[in-house]
Amino acid sequence: MNKWLEPHYRLAYACLFGIIVSSLTSVKLLAILTACALFVVCFLHSHQPKHLLKRWLKFNLFSVLLWATLSWKIGEQDIMWNVHGIELATLITLRMNLIVLSVWLFLHHVTDTLLVQAIAKLPLPTKLIHLFILSVRYISLLAELNQKMDMAMKARGFHPKFNLFTMKVYAQRVALLLIHSMLKAEKAEIAMKARGFKL
């Protein structure tokens, strides 16, 4: 592999590109770059389009909340469209999508193990590196737990619908994930203290 394409360099490129994208204010330029990035990502993941579409739709749920809150305002007499809010929602949505697509491109074929190794090679303070490594580790553990819960729900014949029961089930699922994350964080803290680790 070319030295400049090693995982830690690619991670640095992704961070730098994210900073550049965050400073862009042209909706037209952002739309063109997002379309190009989406085309390249679709080409690289052409063997699993359903998985890619599912990930992209989950990510854009936050965009729906943005549009639902920023696209209107309360006027003097009634509710009215917020033109500035719509422009802001468009800008944020395009920036978010471009950044996440660029991360998918820059970190293509980078596993959790490679990502941890890449973070360790970055010229950052030791404590910050430890924090990043622990974050990657426990995010992957929670993702595995979430996948197991999803499989268990499907095995019990659960089919999500737009009703109160489905909302209750998903609320319980989120609560369990939060409880498990808290327990794992406490165990990790105890294990680190037992090994003499100090922040």
C-alpha atoms as a PDB file:
ATOM      1  CA  MET A   1       0.000   0.000   0.000  1.00  0.00           C
ATOM      2  CA  ASN A   2       1.162   3.527  -0.760  1.00  0.00           C
ATOM      3  CA  LYS A   3       2.442   5.270   2.379  1.00  0.00           C
ATOM      4  CA  TRP A   4       0.038   8.197   1.900  1.00  0.00           C
ATOM      5  CA  LEU A   5      -2.958   5.823   1.689  1.00  0.00           C
ATOM      6  CA  GLU A   6      -2.342   4.149   5.062  1.00  0.00           C
ATOM      7  CA  PRO A   7      -5.324   4.235   7.484  1.00  0.00           C
ATOM      8  CA  HIS A   8      -3.957   6.987   9.763  1.00  0.00           C
ATOM      9  CA  TYR A   9      -3.348   9.281   6.781  1.00  0.00           C
ATOM     10  CA  ARG A  10      -6.815   8.540   5.426  1.00  0.00           C
ATOM     11  CA  LEU A  11      -8.297   9.368   8.837  1.00  0.00           C
ATOM     12  CA  ALA A  12      -6.455  12.694   8.801  1.00  0.00           C
ATOM     13  CA  TYR A  13      -7.731  13.381   5.252  1.00  0.00           C
ATOM     14  CA  ALA A  14     -11.304  12.671   6.394  1.00  0.00           C
ATOM     15  CA  CYS A  15     -10.992  15.107   9.341  1.00  0.00           C
ATOM     16  CA  LEU A  16      -9.437  17.808   7.135  1.00  0.00           C
ATOM     17  CA  PHE A  17     -12.109  17.360   4.461  1.00  0.00           C
ATOM     18  CA  GLY A  18     -14.819  17.564   7.134  1.00  0.00           C
ATOM     19  CA  ILE A  19     -13.421  20.910   8.338  1.00  0.00           C
ATOM     20  CA  ILE A  20     -13.354  22.239   4.751  1.00  0.00           C
ATOM     21  CA  VAL A  21     -16.941  21.075   4.085  1.00  0.00           C
ATOM     22  CA  SER A  22     -18.135  22.721   7.325  1.00  0.00           C
ATOM     23  CA  SER A  23     -16.890  26.075   6.035  1.00  0.00           C
ATOM     24  CA  LEU A  24     -18.660  25.846   2.645  1.00  0.00           C
ATOM     25  CA  THR A  25     -21.750  28.024   2.232  1.00  0.00           C
ATOM     26  CA  SER A  26     -22.625  27.449  -1.442  1.00  0.00           C
ATOM     27  CA  VAL A  27     -25.646  25.135  -1.694  1.00  0.00           C
ATOM     28  CA  LYS A  28     -24.952  24.506  -5.395  1.00  0.00           C
ATOM     29  CA  LEU A  29     -21.332  23.444  -4.769  1.00  0.00           C
ATOM     30  CA  LEU A  30     -22.353  21.238  -1.834  1.00  0.00           C
ATOM     31  CA  ALA A  31     -25.083  19.595  -3.939  1.00  0.00           C
ATOM     32  CA  ILE A  32     -22.622  18.828  -6.765  1.00  0.00           C
ATOM     33  CA  LEU A  33     -19.989  17.423  -4.370  1.00  0.00           C
ATOM     34  CA  THR A  34     -22.607  15.348  -2.524  1.00  0.00           C
ATOM     35  CA  ALA A  35     -23.930  13.904  -5.797  1.00  0.00           C
ATOM     36  CA  CYS A  36     -20.382  13.001  -6.909  1.00  0.00           C
ATOM     37  CA  ALA A  37     -19.563  11.419  -3.531  1.00  0.00           C
ATOM     38  CA  LEU A  38     -22.847   9.472  -3.574  1.00  0.00           C
ATOM     39  CA  PHE A  39     -22.087   8.153  -7.064  1.00  0.00           C
ATOM     40  CA  VAL A  40     -18.604   6.946  -6.009  1.00  0.00           C
ATOM     41  CA  VAL A  41     -19.950   5.348  -2.802  1.00  0.00           C
ATOM     42  CA  CYS A  42     -22.700   3.551  -4.775  1.00  0.00           C
ATOM     43  CA  PHE A  43     -20.077   2.297  -7.223  1.00  0.00           C
ATOM     44  CA  LEU A  44     -17.838   0.967  -4.416  1.00  0.00           C
ATOM     45  CA  HIS A  45     -20.791  -0.677  -2.629  1.00  0.00           C
ATOM     46  CA  SER A  46     -22.604  -1.904  -5.749  1.00  0.00           C
ATOM     47  CA  HIS A  47     -22.561  -5.483  -4.373  1.00  0.00           C
ATOM     48  CA  GLN A  48     -24.705  -4.526  -1.339  1.00  0.00           C
ATOM     49  CA  PRO A  49     -27.049  -1.668  -2.367  1.00  0.00           C
ATOM     50  CA  LYS A  50     -29.774  -2.538   0.185  1.00  0.00           C
ATOM     51  CA  HIS A  51     -27.358  -2.343   3.113  1.00  0.00           C
ATOM     52  CA  LEU A  52     -25.984   0.975   1.859  1.00  0.00           C
ATOM     53  CA  LEU A  53     -29.474   2.435   1.339  1.00  0.00           C
ATOM     54  CA  LYS A  54     -30.537   1.314   4.827  1.00  0.00           C
ATOM     55  CA  ARG A  55     -27.514   2.976   6.442  1.00  0.00           C
ATOM     56  CA  TRP A  56     -28.047   6.172   4.460  1.00  0.00           C
ATOM     57  CA  LEU A  57     -31.754   6.366   5.363  1.00  0.00           C
ATOM     58  CA  LYS A  58     -31.024   5.812   9.062  1.00  0.00           C
ATOM     59  CA  PHE A  59     -28.486   8.609   8.985  1.00  0.00           C
ATOM     60  CA  ASN A  60     -30.930  10.982   7.282  1.00  0.00           C
ATOM     61  CA  LEU A  61     -33.581  10.525   9.978  1.00  0.00           C
ATOM     62  CA  PHE A  62     -31.849  13.423  11.729  1.00  0.00           C
ATOM     63  CA  SER A  63     -32.275  15.498   8.561  1.00  0.00           C
ATOM     64  CA  VAL A  64     -36.035  14.909   8.741  1.00  0.00           C
ATOM     65  CA  LEU A  65     -36.049  16.338  12.280  1.00  0.00           C
ATOM     66  CA  LEU A  66     -34.090  19.358  11.049  1.00  0.00           C
ATOM     67  CA  TRP A  67     -36.601  20.040   8.280  1.00  0.00           C
ATOM     68  CA  ALA A  68     -39.531  19.499  10.659  1.00  0.00           C
ATOM     69  CA  THR A  69     -38.227  22.116  13.104  1.00  0.00           C
ATOM     70  CA  LEU A  70     -36.485  24.702  10.890  1.00  0.00           C
ATOM     71  CA  SER A  71     -38.867  24.967   7.928  1.00  0.00           C
ATOM     72  CA  TRP A  72     -41.606  26.860   9.786  1.00  0.00           C
ATOM     73  CA  LYS A  73     -41.968  29.605  12.371  1.00  0.00           C
ATOM     74  CA  ILE A  74     -44.694  31.205  14.448  1.00  0.00           C
ATOM     75  CA  GLY A  75     -45.642  34.587  12.990  1.00  0.00           C
ATOM     76  CA  GLU A  76     -47.725  37.381  14.453  1.00  0.00           C
ATOM     77  CA  GLN A  77     -51.017  35.713  13.513  1.00  0.00           C
ATOM     78  CA  ASP A  78     -50.338  32.112  12.496  1.00  0.00           C
ATOM     79  CA  ILE A  79     -47.698  29.548  11.529  1.00  0.00           C
ATOM     80  CA  MET A  80     -45.754  30.403   8.377  1.00  0.00           C
ATOM     81  CA  TRP A  81     -42.873  29.087   6.258  1.00  0.00           C
ATOM     82  CA  ASN A  82     -39.409  30.088   7.454  1.00  0.00           C
ATOM     83  CA  VAL A  83     -37.372  30.812   4.293  1.00  0.00           C
ATOM     84  CA  HIS A  84     -34.142  31.333   6.237  1.00  0.00           C
ATOM     85  CA  GLY A  85     -34.794  28.116   8.171  1.00  0.00           C
ATOM     86  CA  ILE A  86     -35.335  26.148   4.951  1.00  0.00           C
ATOM     87  CA  GLU A  87     -32.041  27.488   3.554  1.00  0.00           C
ATOM     88  CA  LEU A  88     -30.270  26.568   6.794  1.00  0.00           C
ATOM     89  CA  ALA A  89     -31.810  23.058   6.828  1.00  0.00           C
ATOM     90  CA  THR A  90     -30.708  22.536   3.197  1.00  0.00           C
ATOM     91  CA  LEU A  91     -27.175  23.669   4.007  1.00  0.00           C
ATOM     92  CA  ILE A  92     -26.892  21.473   7.105  1.00  0.00           C
ATOM     93  CA  THR A  93     -28.378  18.428   5.322  1.00  0.00           C
ATOM     94  CA  LEU A  94     -25.957  18.721   2.393  1.00  0.00           C
ATOM     95  CA  ARG A  95     -22.979  19.239   4.694  1.00  0.00           C
ATOM     96  CA  MET A  96     -23.940  16.247   6.854  1.00  0.00           C
ATOM     97  CA  ASN A  97     -24.416  13.968   3.856  1.00  0.00           C
ATOM     98  CA  LEU A  98     -21.182  15.079   2.193  1.00  0.00           C
ATOM     99  CA  ILE A  99     -19.172  14.559   5.386  1.00  0.00           C
ATOM    100  CA  VAL A 100     -20.590  11.095   6.074  1.00  0.00           C
ATOM    101  CA  LEU A 101     -20.131  10.016   2.436  1.00  0.00           C
ATOM    102  CA  SER A 102     -16.543  11.278   2.476  1.00  0.00           C
ATOM    103  CA  VAL A 103     -15.868   9.322   5.687  1.00  0.00           C
ATOM    104  CA  TRP A 104     -17.262   6.180   4.008  1.00  0.00           C
ATOM    105  CA  LEU A 105     -14.919   6.831   1.069  1.00  0.00           C
ATOM    106  CA  PHE A 106     -11.775   7.699   3.016  1.00  0.00           C
ATOM    107  CA  LEU A 107     -12.238   4.817   5.478  1.00  0.00           C
ATOM    108  CA  HIS A 108     -13.345   2.249   2.887  1.00  0.00           C
ATOM    109  CA  HIS A 109     -12.244  -1.259   4.010  1.00  0.00           C
ATOM    110  CA  VAL A 110     -10.948   0.128   7.344  1.00  0.00           C
ATOM    111  CA  THR A 111     -12.083  -2.224  10.128  1.00  0.00           C
ATOM    112  CA  ASP A 112     -12.416  -1.372  13.826  1.00  0.00           C
ATOM    113  CA  THR A 113      -8.966  -2.870  14.499  1.00  0.00           C
ATOM    114  CA  LEU A 114      -7.322  -0.839  11.721  1.00  0.00           C
ATOM    115  CA  LEU A 115      -9.131   2.291  12.907  1.00  0.00           C
ATOM    116  CA  VAL A 116      -7.799   1.849  16.459  1.00  0.00           C
ATOM    117  CA  GLN A 117      -4.278   1.335  15.096  1.00  0.00           C
ATOM    118  CA  ALA A 118      -4.658   4.426  12.890  1.00  0.00           C
ATOM    119  CA  ILE A 119      -5.786   6.573  15.844  1.00  0.00           C
ATOM    120  CA  ALA A 120      -2.765   5.400  17.873  1.00  0.00           C
ATOM    121  CA  LYS A 121      -0.424   6.648  15.119  1.00  0.00           C
ATOM    122  CA  LEU A 122      -1.868  10.166  15.032  1.00  0.00           C
ATOM    123  CA  PRO A 123       0.175  12.983  16.652  1.00  0.00           C
ATOM    124  CA  LEU A 124      -2.330  13.547  19.459  1.00  0.00           C
ATOM    125  CA  PRO A 125      -2.013  13.661  23.276  1.00  0.00           C
ATOM    126  CA  THR A 126      -1.904  10.185  24.824  1.00  0.00           C
ATOM    127  CA  LYS A 127      -5.035  10.741  26.915  1.00  0.00           C
ATOM    128  CA  LEU A 128      -7.030  11.827  23.854  1.00  0.00           C
ATOM    129  CA  ILE A 129      -5.845   8.751  21.932  1.00  0.00           C
ATOM    130  CA  HIS A 130      -6.972   6.521  24.819  1.00  0.00           C
ATOM    131  CA  LEU A 131     -10.372   8.253  24.786  1.00  0.00           C
ATOM    132  CA  PHE A 132     -10.779   7.720  21.023  1.00  0.00           C
ATOM    133  CA  ILE A 133      -9.722   4.060  21.249  1.00  0.00           C
ATOM    134  CA  LEU A 134     -12.189   3.362  24.076  1.00  0.00           C
ATOM    135  CA  SER A 135     -14.954   5.146  22.138  1.00  0.00           C
ATOM    136  CA  VAL A 136     -14.351   3.020  19.015  1.00  0.00           C
ATOM    137  CA  ARG A 137     -14.192  -0.146  21.095  1.00  0.00           C
ATOM    138  CA  TYR A 138     -17.431   0.400  22.989  1.00  0.00           C
ATOM    139  CA  ILE A 139     -19.369   1.794  20.039  1.00  0.00           C
ATOM    140  CA  SER A 140     -18.598  -1.462  18.194  1.00  0.00           C
ATOM    141  CA  LEU A 141     -19.677  -3.502  21.241  1.00  0.00           C
ATOM    142  CA  LEU A 142     -22.970  -1.623  21.479  1.00  0.00           C
ATOM    143  CA  ALA A 143     -23.502  -2.059  17.729  1.00  0.00           C
ATOM    144  CA  GLU A 144     -23.085  -5.825  18.176  1.00  0.00           C
ATOM    145  CA  LEU A 145     -25.540  -5.790  21.084  1.00  0.00           C
ATOM    146  CA  ASN A 146     -28.049  -3.779  19.032  1.00  0.00           C
ATOM    147  CA  GLN A 147     -27.727  -6.301  16.188  1.00  0.00           C
ATOM    148  CA  LYS A 148     -28.333  -9.206  18.597  1.00  0.00           C
ATOM    149  CA  MET A 149     -31.428  -7.473  19.970  1.00  0.00           C
ATOM    150  CA  ASP A 150     -32.688  -6.932  16.428  1.00  0.00           C
ATOM    151  CA  MET A 151     -32.220 -10.625  15.616  1.00  0.00           C
ATOM    152  CA  ALA A 152     -33.973 -11.634  18.860  1.00  0.00           C
ATOM    153  CA  MET A 153     -36.943  -9.377  18.070  1.00  0.00           C
ATOM    154  CA  LYS A 154     -37.235 -10.830  14.553  1.00  0.00           C
ATOM    155  CA  ALA A 155     -36.988 -14.391  15.944  1.00  0.00           C
ATOM    156  CA  ARG A 156     -39.967 -13.618  18.193  1.00  0.00           C
ATOM    157  CA  GLY A 157     -41.988 -12.462  15.179  1.00  0.00           C
ATOM    158  CA  PHE A 158     -41.839  -8.735  15.869  1.00  0.00           C
ATOM    159  CA  HIS A 159     -42.855  -6.570  12.897  1.00  0.00           C
ATOM    160  CA  PRO A 160     -42.577  -2.799  13.432  1.00  0.00           C
ATOM    161  CA  LYS A 161     -45.711  -0.790  12.703  1.00  0.00           C
ATOM    162  CA  PHE A 162     -46.771   2.767  13.315  1.00  0.00           C
ATOM    163  CA  ASN A 163     -48.592   2.119  16.605  1.00  0.00           C
ATOM    164  CA  LEU A 164     -48.193   2.479  20.363  1.00  0.00           C
ATOM    165  CA  PHE A 165     -46.917  -1.089  20.865  1.00  0.00           C
ATOM    166  CA  THR A 166     -44.036  -0.592  18.423  1.00  0.00           C
ATOM    167  CA  MET A 167     -43.083   2.680  20.131  1.00  0.00           C
ATOM    168  CA  LYS A 168     -43.060   0.938  23.530  1.00  0.00           C
ATOM    169  CA  VAL A 169     -40.855  -1.881  22.192  1.00  0.00           C
ATOM    170  CA  TYR A 170     -38.352   0.550  20.660  1.00  0.00           C
ATOM    171  CA  ALA A 171     -38.344   2.648  23.844  1.00  0.00           C
ATOM    172  CA  GLN A 172     -37.496  -0.497  25.853  1.00  0.00           C
ATOM    173  CA  ARG A 173     -34.782  -1.361  23.332  1.00  0.00           C
ATOM    174  CA  VAL A 174     -33.160   2.087  23.655  1.00  0.00           C
ATOM    175  CA  ALA A 175     -33.413   1.876  27.460  1.00  0.00           C
ATOM    176  CA  LEU A 176     -31.693  -1.537  27.469  1.00  0.00           C
ATOM    177  CA  LEU A 177     -28.914  -0.215  25.230  1.00  0.00           C
ATOM    178  CA  LEU A 178     -28.355   2.728  27.583  1.00  0.00           C
ATOM    179  CA  ILE A 179     -28.306   0.442  30.639  1.00  0.00           C
ATOM    180  CA  HIS A 180     -25.844  -1.948  28.967  1.00  0.00           C
ATOM    181  CA  SER A 181     -23.620   0.963  27.899  1.00  0.00           C
ATOM    182  CA  MET A 182     -23.586   2.293  31.483  1.00  0.00           C
ATOM    183  CA  LEU A 183     -22.717  -1.146  32.894  1.00  0.00           C
ATOM    184  CA  LYS A 184     -19.935  -1.664  30.355  1.00  0.00           C
ATOM    185  CA  ALA A 185     -18.528   1.807  31.100  1.00  0.00           C
ATOM    186  CA  GLU A 186     -18.476   1.016  34.836  1.00  0.00           C
ATOM    187  CA  LYS A 187     -16.751  -2.340  34.233  1.00  0.00           C
ATOM    188  CA  ALA A 188     -14.202  -0.681  31.943  1.00  0.00           C
ATOM    189  CA  GLU A 189     -13.483   1.981  34.579  1.00  0.00           C
ATOM    190  CA  ILE A 190     -12.979  -0.673  37.285  1.00  0.00           C
ATOM    191  CA  ALA A 191     -10.696  -2.716  35.000  1.00  0.00           C
ATOM    192  CA  MET A 192      -8.617   0.344  34.062  1.00  0.00           C
ATOM    193  CA  LYS A 193      -8.224   1.396  37.710  1.00  0.00           C
ATOM    194  CA  ALA A 194      -7.203  -2.166  38.615  1.00  0.00           C
ATOM    195  CA  ARG A 195      -4.417  -1.897  36.012  1.00  0.00           C
ATOM    196  CA  GLY A 196      -3.232   1.409  37.459  1.00  0.00           C
ATOM    197  CA  PHE A 197      -4.578   3.592  34.647  1.00  0.00           C
ATOM    198  CA  LYS A 198      -4.947   7.273  35.550  1.00  0.00           C
ATOM    199  CA  LEU A 199      -6.338  10.063  33.374  1.00  0.00           C
END
